[in-house]
């Protein structure tokens, strides 16, 4: 596996933000998933191909 970097953007509503991403031409690569004791996150790809995660801690 090649080394890589990741960006996490904190949002108030992961599901709502993921829906807006698809509205604006992006893709949800991994739907919202809750990790106990950490929070909820989803993996997103913007229309130009950049990947990042959106997360709500708590």
C-alpha atoms as a PDB file:
ATOM      1  CA  UNK A   1       0.000   0.000   0.000  1.00  0.00           C
ATOM      2  CA  UNK A   2       1.309   3.430  -0.955  1.00  0.00           C
ATOM      3  CA  UNK A   3       1.638   6.088   1.741  1.00  0.00           C
ATOM      4  CA  UNK A   4      -1.212   8.562   1.657  1.00  0.00           C
ATOM      5  CA  UNK A   5      -2.630  11.483   3.602  1.00  0.00           C
ATOM      6  CA  UNK A   6      -6.163  12.159   4.706  1.00  0.00           C
ATOM      7  CA  UNK A   7      -8.235  15.218   5.475  1.00  0.00           C
ATOM      8  CA  UNK A   8     -11.096  15.223   7.972  1.00  0.00           C
ATOM      9  CA  UNK A   9     -13.600  18.080   7.899  1.00  0.00           C
ATOM     10  CA  UNK A  10     -15.797  18.482  10.973  1.00  0.00           C
ATOM     11  CA  UNK A  11     -19.514  18.996  10.230  1.00  0.00           C
ATOM     12  CA  UNK A  12     -22.665  19.155  12.363  1.00  0.00           C
ATOM     13  CA  UNK A  13     -24.639  16.663  10.234  1.00  0.00           C
ATOM     14  CA  UNK A  14     -22.751  13.931   8.361  1.00  0.00           C
ATOM     15  CA  UNK A  15     -25.804  12.490   6.566  1.00  0.00           C
ATOM     16  CA  UNK A  16     -27.077  15.925   5.536  1.00  0.00           C
ATOM     17  CA  UNK A  17     -23.656  17.032   4.344  1.00  0.00           C
ATOM     18  CA  UNK A  18     -23.203  13.802   2.361  1.00  0.00           C
ATOM     19  CA  UNK A  19     -26.563  14.408   0.668  1.00  0.00           C
ATOM     20  CA  UNK A  20     -25.484  17.946  -0.257  1.00  0.00           C
ATOM     21  CA  UNK A  21     -22.227  16.577  -1.712  1.00  0.00           C
ATOM     22  CA  UNK A  22     -24.148  14.398  -4.173  1.00  0.00           C
ATOM     23  CA  UNK A  23     -26.447  17.327  -5.026  1.00  0.00           C
ATOM     24  CA  UNK A  24     -23.379  19.344  -5.983  1.00  0.00           C
ATOM     25  CA  UNK A  25     -21.799  16.627  -8.164  1.00  0.00           C
ATOM     26  CA  UNK A  26     -19.584  14.817  -5.662  1.00  0.00           C
ATOM     27  CA  UNK A  27     -19.734  11.162  -4.611  1.00  0.00           C
ATOM     28  CA  UNK A  28     -20.191   9.412  -1.295  1.00  0.00           C
ATOM     29  CA  UNK A  29     -17.562   6.655  -1.413  1.00  0.00           C
ATOM     30  CA  UNK A  30     -18.461   5.280   2.021  1.00  0.00           C
ATOM     31  CA  UNK A  31     -21.800   6.193   3.613  1.00  0.00           C
ATOM     32  CA  UNK A  32     -22.088   7.528   7.158  1.00  0.00           C
ATOM     33  CA  UNK A  33     -20.711   5.088   9.709  1.00  0.00           C
ATOM     34  CA  UNK A  34     -20.711   5.477  13.488  1.00  0.00           C
ATOM     35  CA  UNK A  35     -17.611   4.457  15.430  1.00  0.00           C
ATOM     36  CA  UNK A  36     -18.398   3.970  19.137  1.00  0.00           C
ATOM     37  CA  UNK A  37     -16.775   6.538  21.448  1.00  0.00           C
ATOM     38  CA  UNK A  38     -15.509   8.572  18.461  1.00  0.00           C
ATOM     39  CA  UNK A  39     -18.331   9.781  16.208  1.00  0.00           C
ATOM     40  CA  UNK A  40     -19.834   9.456  12.744  1.00  0.00           C
ATOM     41  CA  UNK A  41     -17.967   9.835   9.473  1.00  0.00           C
ATOM     42  CA  UNK A  42     -18.321   9.339   5.722  1.00  0.00           C
ATOM     43  CA  UNK A  43     -15.775   9.244   2.899  1.00  0.00           C
ATOM     44  CA  UNK A  44     -16.419  11.771   0.138  1.00  0.00           C
ATOM     45  CA  UNK A  45     -14.983  12.509  -3.321  1.00  0.00           C
ATOM     46  CA  UNK A  46     -15.415  15.950  -4.848  1.00  0.00           C
ATOM     47  CA  UNK A  47     -16.176  16.452  -8.571  1.00  0.00           C
ATOM     48  CA  UNK A  48     -12.445  16.881  -9.323  1.00  0.00           C
ATOM     49  CA  UNK A  49     -11.555  13.575  -7.640  1.00  0.00           C
ATOM     50  CA  UNK A  50     -10.139  14.741  -4.292  1.00  0.00           C
ATOM     51  CA  UNK A  51     -11.102  12.437  -1.425  1.00  0.00           C
ATOM     52  CA  UNK A  52     -11.737  13.505   2.162  1.00  0.00           C
ATOM     53  CA  UNK A  53     -13.785  12.489   5.168  1.00  0.00           C
ATOM     54  CA  UNK A  54     -16.528  14.429   6.878  1.00  0.00           C
ATOM     55  CA  UNK A  55     -16.881  13.752  10.588  1.00  0.00           C
ATOM     56  CA  UNK A  56     -19.014  14.657  13.579  1.00  0.00           C
ATOM     57  CA  UNK A  57     -17.227  13.818  16.831  1.00  0.00           C
ATOM     58  CA  UNK A  58     -19.243  12.747  19.817  1.00  0.00           C
END
